[in-house]
């Protein structure tokens, strides 16, 4: 089992803006299903994927360091 999973929540407009080559329906399905995944009870850090990339990176690194300490 993983020590930590980092899951980015994102809305369909942001996802489509970042991945315009993807079908909107496919993105909507992924967005709906992803929060339901439990990954066998692993610890999951939920981050807002709409935040600036640097903020996401810093929060991710803090969580990784804490999980490995």
PDB file of N, CA and C in Angstrom:
ATOM      1  N   UNK A   1       0.844  -1.169   0.000  1.00  0.00           N
ATOM      2  CA  UNK A   1       0.000   0.000   0.000  1.00  0.00           C
ATOM      3  C   UNK A   1       0.898   1.243   0.000  1.00  0.00           C
ATOM      4  N   UNK A   2       0.527   2.244  -0.763  1.00  0.00           N
ATOM      5  CA  UNK A   2       1.318   3.476  -0.796  1.00  0.00           C
ATOM      6  C   UNK A   2       1.293   4.189   0.555  1.00  0.00           C
ATOM      7  N   UNK A   3       2.335   4.917   0.837  1.00  0.00           N
ATOM      8  CA  UNK A   3       2.408   5.721   2.058  1.00  0.00           C
ATOM      9  C   UNK A   3       1.489   6.932   1.941  1.00  0.00           C
ATOM     10  N   UNK A   4       1.403   7.495   0.745  1.00  0.00           N
ATOM     11  CA  UNK A   4       0.617   8.707   0.529  1.00  0.00           C
ATOM     12  C   UNK A   4       0.210   8.797  -0.933  1.00  0.00           C
ATOM     13  N   UNK A   5      -1.032   9.169  -1.154  1.00  0.00           N
ATOM     14  CA  UNK A   5      -1.507   9.488  -2.496  1.00  0.00           C
ATOM     15  C   UNK A   5      -1.908  10.953  -2.507  1.00  0.00           C
ATOM     16  N   UNK A   6      -1.567  11.630  -3.566  1.00  0.00           N
ATOM     17  CA  UNK A   6      -1.941  13.032  -3.715  1.00  0.00           C
ATOM     18  C   UNK A   6      -2.947  13.106  -4.851  1.00  0.00           C
ATOM     19  N   UNK A   7      -4.129  13.596  -4.506  1.00  0.00           N
ATOM     20  CA  UNK A   7      -5.209  13.659  -5.492  1.00  0.00           C
ATOM     21  C   UNK A   7      -5.565  15.127  -5.715  1.00  0.00           C
ATOM     22  N   UNK A   8      -5.572  15.530  -6.970  1.00  0.00           N
ATOM     23  CA  UNK A   8      -5.923  16.902  -7.322  1.00  0.00           C
ATOM     24  C   UNK A   8      -7.378  16.959  -7.749  1.00  0.00           C
ATOM     25  N   UNK A   9      -8.159  17.714  -7.014  1.00  0.00           N
ATOM     26  CA  UNK A   9      -9.536  17.955  -7.415  1.00  0.00           C
ATOM     27  C   UNK A   9      -9.560  19.100  -8.406  1.00  0.00           C
ATOM     28  N   UNK A  10     -10.414  18.978  -9.403  1.00  0.00           N
ATOM     29  CA  UNK A  10     -10.450  20.011 -10.437  1.00  0.00           C
ATOM     30  C   UNK A  10     -11.849  20.062 -11.031  1.00  0.00           C
ATOM     31  N   UNK A  11     -12.263  21.228 -11.475  1.00  0.00           N
ATOM     32  CA  UNK A  11     -13.568  21.356 -12.110  1.00  0.00           C
ATOM     33  C   UNK A  11     -13.418  21.124 -13.615  1.00  0.00           C
ATOM     34  N   UNK A  12     -14.533  20.869 -14.264  1.00  0.00           N
ATOM     35  CA  UNK A  12     -14.458  20.502 -15.685  1.00  0.00           C
ATOM     36  C   UNK A  12     -13.956  21.635 -16.572  1.00  0.00           C
ATOM     37  N   UNK A  13     -14.272  22.878 -16.232  1.00  0.00           N
ATOM     38  CA  UNK A  13     -13.806  23.993 -17.060  1.00  0.00           C
ATOM     39  C   UNK A  13     -12.283  24.103 -17.018  1.00  0.00           C
ATOM     40  N   UNK A  14     -11.713  23.977 -15.826  1.00  0.00           N
ATOM     41  CA  UNK A  14     -10.260  24.047 -15.689  1.00  0.00           C
ATOM     42  C   UNK A  14      -9.604  22.859 -16.378  1.00  0.00           C
ATOM     43  N   UNK A  15     -10.171  21.679 -16.182  1.00  0.00           N
ATOM     44  CA  UNK A  15      -9.615  20.480 -16.810  1.00  0.00           C
ATOM     45  C   UNK A  15      -9.625  20.617 -18.331  1.00  0.00           C
ATOM     46  N   UNK A  16     -10.729  21.090 -18.877  1.00  0.00           N
ATOM     47  CA  UNK A  16     -10.841  21.221 -20.328  1.00  0.00           C
ATOM     48  C   UNK A  16      -9.905  22.308 -20.851  1.00  0.00           C
ATOM     49  N   UNK A  17      -9.729  23.380 -20.082  1.00  0.00           N
ATOM     50  CA  UNK A  17      -8.805  24.443 -20.499  1.00  0.00           C
ATOM     51  C   UNK A  17      -7.370  23.923 -20.556  1.00  0.00           C
ATOM     52  N   UNK A  18      -7.031  23.009 -19.640  1.00  0.00           N
ATOM     53  CA  UNK A  18      -5.675  22.463 -19.604  1.00  0.00           C
ATOM     54  C   UNK A  18      -5.486  21.310 -20.574  1.00  0.00           C
ATOM     55  N   UNK A  19      -6.565  20.625 -20.897  1.00  0.00           N
ATOM     56  CA  UNK A  19      -6.499  19.451 -21.782  1.00  0.00           C
ATOM     57  C   UNK A  19      -7.541  19.584 -22.895  1.00  0.00           C
ATOM     58  N   UNK A  20      -7.418  20.575 -23.761  1.00  0.00           N
ATOM     59  CA  UNK A  20      -8.439  20.789 -24.790  1.00  0.00           C
ATOM     60  C   UNK A  20      -8.527  19.661 -25.815  1.00  0.00           C
ATOM     61  N   UNK A  21      -7.508  18.800 -25.858  1.00  0.00           N
ATOM     62  CA  UNK A  21      -7.539  17.679 -26.795  1.00  0.00           C
ATOM     63  C   UNK A  21      -8.354  16.507 -26.252  1.00  0.00           C
ATOM     64  N   UNK A  22      -8.819  16.595 -25.002  1.00  0.00           N
ATOM     65  CA  UNK A  22      -9.637  15.538 -24.407  1.00  0.00           C
ATOM     66  C   UNK A  22     -11.118  15.848 -24.636  1.00  0.00           C
ATOM     67  N   UNK A  23     -11.920  14.817 -24.719  1.00  0.00           N
ATOM     68  CA  UNK A  23     -13.362  14.990 -24.836  1.00  0.00           C
ATOM     69  C   UNK A  23     -13.909  15.480 -23.498  1.00  0.00           C
ATOM     70  N   UNK A  24     -14.787  16.474 -23.537  1.00  0.00           N
ATOM     71  CA  UNK A  24     -15.363  17.026 -22.318  1.00  0.00           C
ATOM     72  C   UNK A  24     -16.096  15.944 -21.521  1.00  0.00           C
ATOM     73  N   UNK A  25     -16.808  15.064 -22.195  1.00  0.00           N
ATOM     74  CA  UNK A  25     -17.541  13.995 -21.500  1.00  0.00           C
ATOM     75  C   UNK A  25     -16.587  13.072 -20.747  1.00  0.00           C
ATOM     76  N   UNK A  26     -15.437  12.786 -21.331  1.00  0.00           N
ATOM     77  CA  UNK A  26     -14.451  11.927 -20.667  1.00  0.00           C
ATOM     78  C   UNK A  26     -13.892  12.618 -19.428  1.00  0.00           C
ATOM     79  N   UNK A  27     -13.630  13.909 -19.538  1.00  0.00           N
ATOM     80  CA  UNK A  27     -13.142  14.659 -18.378  1.00  0.00           C
ATOM     81  C   UNK A  27     -14.196  14.694 -17.272  1.00  0.00           C
ATOM     82  N   UNK A  28     -15.450  14.896 -17.645  1.00  0.00           N
ATOM     83  CA  UNK A  28     -16.529  14.920 -16.658  1.00  0.00           C
ATOM     84  C   UNK A  28     -16.627  13.581 -15.930  1.00  0.00           C
ATOM     85  N   UNK A  29     -16.477  12.494 -16.660  1.00  0.00           N
ATOM     86  CA  UNK A  29     -16.539  11.165 -16.043  1.00  0.00           C
ATOM     87  C   UNK A  29     -15.379  10.962 -15.072  1.00  0.00           C
ATOM     88  N   UNK A  30     -14.183  11.347 -15.486  1.00  0.00           N
ATOM     89  CA  UNK A  30     -13.018  11.219 -14.600  1.00  0.00           C
ATOM     90  C   UNK A  30     -13.197  12.053 -13.335  1.00  0.00           C
ATOM     91  N   UNK A  31     -13.702  13.263 -13.492  1.00  0.00           N
ATOM     92  CA  UNK A  31     -13.909  14.153 -12.354  1.00  0.00           C
ATOM     93  C   UNK A  31     -14.937  13.565 -11.393  1.00  0.00           C
ATOM     94  N   UNK A  32     -15.951  12.915 -11.924  1.00  0.00           N
ATOM     95  CA  UNK A  32     -16.987  12.312 -11.080  1.00  0.00           C
ATOM     96  C   UNK A  32     -16.491  11.073 -10.350  1.00  0.00           C
ATOM     97  N   UNK A  33     -15.656  10.278 -11.003  1.00  0.00           N
ATOM     98  CA  UNK A  33     -15.223   8.994 -10.443  1.00  0.00           C
ATOM     99  C   UNK A  33     -14.044   9.138  -9.485  1.00  0.00           C
ATOM    100  N   UNK A  34     -13.117  10.005  -9.783  1.00  0.00           N
ATOM    101  CA  UNK A  34     -11.874  10.087  -9.011  1.00  0.00           C
ATOM    102  C   UNK A  34     -12.084  10.261  -7.506  1.00  0.00           C
ATOM    103  N   UNK A  35     -12.987  11.122  -7.038  1.00  0.00           N
ATOM    104  CA  UNK A  35     -13.155  11.263  -5.581  1.00  0.00           C
ATOM    105  C   UNK A  35     -13.659   9.990  -4.893  1.00  0.00           C
ATOM    106  N   UNK A  36     -14.231   9.074  -5.647  1.00  0.00           N
ATOM    107  CA  UNK A  36     -14.758   7.839  -5.070  1.00  0.00           C
ATOM    108  C   UNK A  36     -13.686   6.767  -4.897  1.00  0.00           C
ATOM    109  N   UNK A  37     -12.542   6.940  -5.522  1.00  0.00           N
ATOM    110  CA  UNK A  37     -11.475   5.947  -5.421  1.00  0.00           C
ATOM    111  C   UNK A  37     -10.843   6.016  -4.040  1.00  0.00           C
ATOM    112  N   UNK A  38     -10.710   4.850  -3.396  1.00  0.00           N
ATOM    113  CA  UNK A  38     -10.181   4.820  -2.030  1.00  0.00           C
ATOM    114  C   UNK A  38      -8.763   4.281  -1.969  1.00  0.00           C
ATOM    115  N   UNK A  39      -8.289   3.661  -3.016  1.00  0.00           N
ATOM    116  CA  UNK A  39      -6.918   3.159  -3.084  1.00  0.00           C
ATOM    117  C   UNK A  39      -6.586   2.267  -1.893  1.00  0.00           C
ATOM    118  N   UNK A  40      -7.514   1.365  -1.605  1.00  0.00           N
ATOM    119  CA  UNK A  40      -7.297   0.355  -0.561  1.00  0.00           C
ATOM    120  C   UNK A  40      -7.066   0.958   0.819  1.00  0.00           C
ATOM    121  N   UNK A  41      -7.658   2.101   1.076  1.00  0.00           N
ATOM    122  CA  UNK A  41      -7.540   2.717   2.393  1.00  0.00           C
ATOM    123  C   UNK A  41      -6.274   3.517   2.617  1.00  0.00           C
ATOM    124  N   UNK A  42      -5.510   3.761   1.568  1.00  0.00           N
ATOM    125  CA  UNK A  42      -4.276   4.545   1.705  1.00  0.00           C
ATOM    126  C   UNK A  42      -4.604   5.979   2.126  1.00  0.00           C
ATOM    127  N   UNK A  43      -3.641   6.627   2.750  1.00  0.00           N
ATOM    128  CA  UNK A  43      -3.804   8.034   3.117  1.00  0.00           C
ATOM    129  C   UNK A  43      -3.831   8.865   1.838  1.00  0.00           C
ATOM    130  N   UNK A  44      -4.838   9.720   1.722  1.00  0.00           N
ATOM    131  CA  UNK A  44      -5.001  10.542   0.525  1.00  0.00           C
ATOM    132  C   UNK A  44      -4.984  12.013   0.924  1.00  0.00           C
ATOM    133  N   UNK A  45      -4.119  12.758   0.278  1.00  0.00           N
ATOM    134  CA  UNK A  45      -4.091  14.205   0.444  1.00  0.00           C
ATOM    135  C   UNK A  45      -4.872  14.805  -0.717  1.00  0.00           C
ATOM    136  N   UNK A  46      -5.922  15.525  -0.394  1.00  0.00           N
ATOM    137  CA  UNK A  46      -6.743  16.175  -1.414  1.00  0.00           C
ATOM    138  C   UNK A  46      -6.249  17.604  -1.602  1.00  0.00           C
ATOM    139  N   UNK A  47      -5.895  17.950  -2.817  1.00  0.00           N
ATOM    140  CA  UNK A  47      -5.471  19.317  -3.123  1.00  0.00           C
ATOM    141  C   UNK A  47      -6.376  19.895  -4.198  1.00  0.00           C
ATOM    142  N   UNK A  48      -6.516  21.202  -4.183  1.00  0.00           N
ATOM    143  CA  UNK A  48      -7.330  21.903  -5.164  1.00  0.00           C
ATOM    144  C   UNK A  48      -6.485  22.153  -6.407  1.00  0.00           C
ATOM    145  N   UNK A  49      -6.773  21.434  -7.467  1.00  0.00           N
ATOM    146  CA  UNK A  49      -6.013  21.538  -8.703  1.00  0.00           C
ATOM    147  C   UNK A  49      -6.180  22.857  -9.429  1.00  0.00           C
ATOM    148  N   UNK A  50      -7.073  23.702  -8.937  1.00  0.00           N
ATOM    149  CA  UNK A  50      -7.252  25.025  -9.548  1.00  0.00           C
ATOM    150  C   UNK A  50      -6.279  26.047  -8.984  1.00  0.00           C
ATOM    151  N   UNK A  51      -5.579  25.684  -7.925  1.00  0.00           N
ATOM    152  CA  UNK A  51      -4.611  26.587  -7.303  1.00  0.00           C
ATOM    153  C   UNK A  51      -3.364  26.702  -8.188  1.00  0.00           C
ATOM    154  N   UNK A  52      -2.577  27.742  -7.982  1.00  0.00           N
ATOM    155  CA  UNK A  52      -1.338  27.886  -8.763  1.00  0.00           C
ATOM    156  C   UNK A  52      -0.424  26.671  -8.584  1.00  0.00           C
ATOM    157  N   UNK A  53       0.267  26.323  -9.643  1.00  0.00           N
ATOM    158  CA  UNK A  53       1.121  25.129  -9.641  1.00  0.00           C
ATOM    159  C   UNK A  53       2.137  25.159  -8.507  1.00  0.00           C
ATOM    160  N   UNK A  54       2.696  26.325  -8.202  1.00  0.00           N
ATOM    161  CA  UNK A  54       3.697  26.407  -7.139  1.00  0.00           C
ATOM    162  C   UNK A  54       3.095  26.079  -5.774  1.00  0.00           C
ATOM    163  N   UNK A  55       1.866  26.523  -5.525  1.00  0.00           N
ATOM    164  CA  UNK A  55       1.201  26.206  -4.256  1.00  0.00           C
ATOM    165  C   UNK A  55       0.935  24.707  -4.142  1.00  0.00           C
ATOM    166  N   UNK A  56       0.511  24.103  -5.233  1.00  0.00           N
ATOM    167  CA  UNK A  56       0.265  22.660  -5.240  1.00  0.00           C
ATOM    168  C   UNK A  56       1.564  21.909  -4.990  1.00  0.00           C
ATOM    169  N   UNK A  57       2.620  22.340  -5.652  1.00  0.00           N
ATOM    170  CA  UNK A  57       3.922  21.697  -5.469  1.00  0.00           C
ATOM    171  C   UNK A  57       4.382  21.795  -4.021  1.00  0.00           C
ATOM    172  N   UNK A  58       4.299  22.974  -3.437  1.00  0.00           N
ATOM    173  CA  UNK A  58       4.761  23.160  -2.059  1.00  0.00           C
ATOM    174  C   UNK A  58       3.942  22.325  -1.077  1.00  0.00           C
ATOM    175  N   UNK A  59       2.630  22.291  -1.243  1.00  0.00           N
ATOM    176  CA  UNK A  59       1.780  21.477  -0.365  1.00  0.00           C
ATOM    177  C   UNK A  59       2.101  19.999  -0.533  1.00  0.00           C
ATOM    178  N   UNK A  60       2.348  19.587  -1.762  1.00  0.00           N
ATOM    179  CA  UNK A  60       2.700  18.188  -2.036  1.00  0.00           C
ATOM    180  C   UNK A  60       4.015  17.818  -1.373  1.00  0.00           C
ATOM    181  N   UNK A  61       5.013  18.680  -1.522  1.00  0.00           N
ATOM    182  CA  UNK A  61       6.324  18.401  -0.931  1.00  0.00           C
ATOM    183  C   UNK A  61       6.260  18.342   0.593  1.00  0.00           C
ATOM    184  N   UNK A  62       5.484  19.238   1.195  1.00  0.00           N
ATOM    185  CA  UNK A  62       5.328  19.203   2.662  1.00  0.00           C
ATOM    186  C   UNK A  62       4.707  17.879   3.097  1.00  0.00           C
ATOM    187  N   UNK A  63       3.681  17.442   2.389  1.00  0.00           N
ATOM    188  CA  UNK A  63       3.006  16.188   2.743  1.00  0.00           C
ATOM    189  C   UNK A  63       3.921  14.988   2.535  1.00  0.00           C
ATOM    190  N   UNK A  64       4.696  15.008   1.477  1.00  0.00           N
ATOM    191  CA  UNK A  64       5.630  13.903   1.207  1.00  0.00           C
ATOM    192  C   UNK A  64       6.683  13.832   2.307  1.00  0.00           C
ATOM    193  N   UNK A  65       7.250  14.963   2.661  1.00  0.00           N
ATOM    194  CA  UNK A  65       8.270  14.990   3.723  1.00  0.00           C
ATOM    195  C   UNK A  65       7.686  14.491   5.038  1.00  0.00           C
ATOM    196  N   UNK A  66       6.467  14.924   5.359  1.00  0.00           N
ATOM    197  CA  UNK A  66       5.823  14.493   6.605  1.00  0.00           C
ATOM    198  C   UNK A  66       5.541  12.995   6.584  1.00  0.00           C
ATOM    199  N   UNK A  67       5.110  12.481   5.442  1.00  0.00           N
ATOM    200  CA  UNK A  67       4.787  11.053   5.333  1.00  0.00           C
ATOM    201  C   UNK A  67       6.029  10.179   5.451  1.00  0.00           C
ATOM    202  N   UNK A  68       7.159  10.702   5.010  1.00  0.00           N
ATOM    203  CA  UNK A  68       8.395   9.915   5.037  1.00  0.00           C
ATOM    204  C   UNK A  68       9.195  10.107   6.323  1.00  0.00           C
ATOM    205  N   UNK A  69       8.758  11.014   7.174  1.00  0.00           N
ATOM    206  CA  UNK A  69       9.481  11.273   8.431  1.00  0.00           C
ATOM    207  C   UNK A  69       9.141  10.239   9.485  1.00  0.00           C
TER     208      UNK A  69
END
